[in-house]
């Protein structure tokens, strides 16, 4: 998994939406991402 790309996508989509919904364009957000390998498990 490309965690940097995932983080960028979350920041661009979900975090931007939250900032807009809260009318807080300066809202600081901290993302902690962790990847684990699990055989045969996929998230759709």
N, C-alpha and C. Protein backbone atom coordinates (compact mmCIF):
# COMPACT_ATOMS: atom_id res chain seq x y z
N UNK A 1 0.85 -1.19 0.00
CA UNK A 1 0.00 0.00 0.00
C UNK A 1 0.88 1.24 0.00
N UNK A 2 0.48 2.22 -0.74
CA UNK A 2 1.21 3.48 -0.81
C UNK A 2 0.60 4.42 0.24
N UNK A 3 1.17 4.43 1.43
CA UNK A 3 0.61 5.21 2.53
C UNK A 3 0.64 6.71 2.26
N UNK A 4 1.66 7.18 1.58
CA UNK A 4 1.73 8.61 1.26
C UNK A 4 0.58 9.01 0.35
N UNK A 5 0.29 8.19 -0.65
CA UNK A 5 -0.82 8.48 -1.56
C UNK A 5 -2.15 8.39 -0.82
N UNK A 6 -2.28 7.42 0.06
CA UNK A 6 -3.51 7.28 0.84
C UNK A 6 -3.71 8.50 1.73
N UNK A 7 -2.66 8.93 2.41
CA UNK A 7 -2.76 10.10 3.27
C UNK A 7 -3.14 11.34 2.47
N UNK A 8 -2.52 11.51 1.30
CA UNK A 8 -2.85 12.65 0.45
C UNK A 8 -4.32 12.63 0.05
N UNK A 9 -4.82 11.45 -0.31
CA UNK A 9 -6.22 11.34 -0.72
C UNK A 9 -7.17 11.65 0.44
N UNK A 10 -6.84 11.16 1.63
CA UNK A 10 -7.67 11.45 2.80
C UNK A 10 -7.65 12.94 3.09
N UNK A 11 -6.48 13.55 3.04
CA UNK A 11 -6.38 14.98 3.30
C UNK A 11 -7.16 15.79 2.28
N UNK A 12 -7.08 15.42 1.02
CA UNK A 12 -7.74 16.17 -0.03
C UNK A 12 -9.26 16.01 0.02
N UNK A 13 -9.73 14.84 0.39
CA UNK A 13 -11.16 14.56 0.34
C UNK A 13 -11.82 14.73 1.72
N UNK A 14 -11.56 13.82 2.61
CA UNK A 14 -12.26 13.80 3.90
C UNK A 14 -11.92 15.00 4.78
N UNK A 15 -10.65 15.32 4.90
CA UNK A 15 -10.26 16.42 5.77
C UNK A 15 -10.74 17.75 5.20
N UNK A 16 -10.63 17.92 3.90
CA UNK A 16 -11.12 19.15 3.27
C UNK A 16 -12.63 19.28 3.48
N UNK A 17 -13.35 18.17 3.38
CA UNK A 17 -14.80 18.20 3.60
C UNK A 17 -15.11 18.58 5.05
N UNK A 18 -14.40 18.00 5.98
CA UNK A 18 -14.62 18.32 7.40
C UNK A 18 -14.34 19.79 7.67
N UNK A 19 -13.27 20.31 7.13
CA UNK A 19 -12.95 21.73 7.32
C UNK A 19 -14.05 22.62 6.78
N UNK A 20 -14.56 22.27 5.60
CA UNK A 20 -15.63 23.06 4.99
C UNK A 20 -16.91 22.94 5.81
N UNK A 21 -17.27 21.73 6.22
CA UNK A 21 -18.51 21.51 6.98
C UNK A 21 -18.47 22.25 8.32
N UNK A 22 -17.31 22.32 8.93
CA UNK A 22 -17.16 23.00 10.22
C UNK A 22 -16.86 24.48 10.07
N UNK A 23 -16.70 24.94 8.82
CA UNK A 23 -16.33 26.32 8.53
C UNK A 23 -15.05 26.70 9.28
N UNK A 24 -14.09 25.76 9.23
CA UNK A 24 -12.80 25.95 9.89
C UNK A 24 -11.69 25.60 8.92
N UNK A 25 -11.40 26.47 7.95
CA UNK A 25 -10.37 26.15 6.96
C UNK A 25 -8.98 25.96 7.57
N UNK A 26 -8.79 26.46 8.78
CA UNK A 26 -7.48 26.35 9.44
C UNK A 26 -7.41 25.17 10.41
N UNK A 27 -8.45 24.33 10.44
CA UNK A 27 -8.49 23.19 11.36
C UNK A 27 -7.28 22.29 11.16
N UNK A 28 -6.54 22.05 12.23
CA UNK A 28 -5.37 21.18 12.17
C UNK A 28 -5.81 19.74 12.33
N UNK A 29 -5.22 18.87 11.55
CA UNK A 29 -5.56 17.46 11.57
C UNK A 29 -4.28 16.65 11.63
N UNK A 30 -4.32 15.59 12.43
CA UNK A 30 -3.17 14.69 12.52
C UNK A 30 -3.65 13.30 12.13
N UNK A 31 -2.99 12.71 11.15
CA UNK A 31 -3.33 11.37 10.70
C UNK A 31 -2.24 10.40 11.11
N UNK A 32 -2.63 9.33 11.75
CA UNK A 32 -1.70 8.25 12.09
C UNK A 32 -2.17 7.02 11.32
N UNK A 33 -1.39 6.61 10.33
CA UNK A 33 -1.75 5.46 9.51
C UNK A 33 -0.84 4.29 9.83
N UNK A 34 -1.42 3.12 9.87
CA UNK A 34 -0.66 1.91 10.13
C UNK A 34 -1.12 0.83 9.17
N UNK A 35 -0.17 0.14 8.58
CA UNK A 35 -0.51 -0.94 7.65
C UNK A 35 -0.10 -2.27 8.24
N UNK A 36 -0.96 -3.25 8.05
CA UNK A 36 -0.66 -4.61 8.50
C UNK A 36 -0.99 -5.55 7.37
N UNK A 37 -0.16 -6.54 7.19
CA UNK A 37 -0.42 -7.55 6.17
C UNK A 37 -1.29 -8.65 6.77
N UNK A 38 -2.38 -8.93 6.06
CA UNK A 38 -3.25 -10.01 6.47
C UNK A 38 -3.64 -10.79 5.22
N UNK A 39 -3.25 -12.02 5.15
CA UNK A 39 -3.50 -12.85 3.98
C UNK A 39 -4.99 -13.02 3.75
N UNK A 40 -5.41 -12.78 2.52
CA UNK A 40 -6.79 -13.04 2.12
C UNK A 40 -7.81 -12.03 2.58
N UNK A 41 -7.40 -10.93 3.16
CA UNK A 41 -8.35 -9.93 3.64
C UNK A 41 -8.27 -8.71 2.74
N UNK A 42 -9.42 -8.32 2.21
CA UNK A 42 -9.48 -7.12 1.36
C UNK A 42 -10.61 -6.23 1.85
N UNK A 43 -10.40 -4.95 1.78
CA UNK A 43 -11.43 -3.98 2.13
C UNK A 43 -11.95 -3.38 0.85
N UNK A 44 -13.25 -3.36 0.71
CA UNK A 44 -13.87 -2.81 -0.51
C UNK A 44 -14.62 -1.55 -0.19
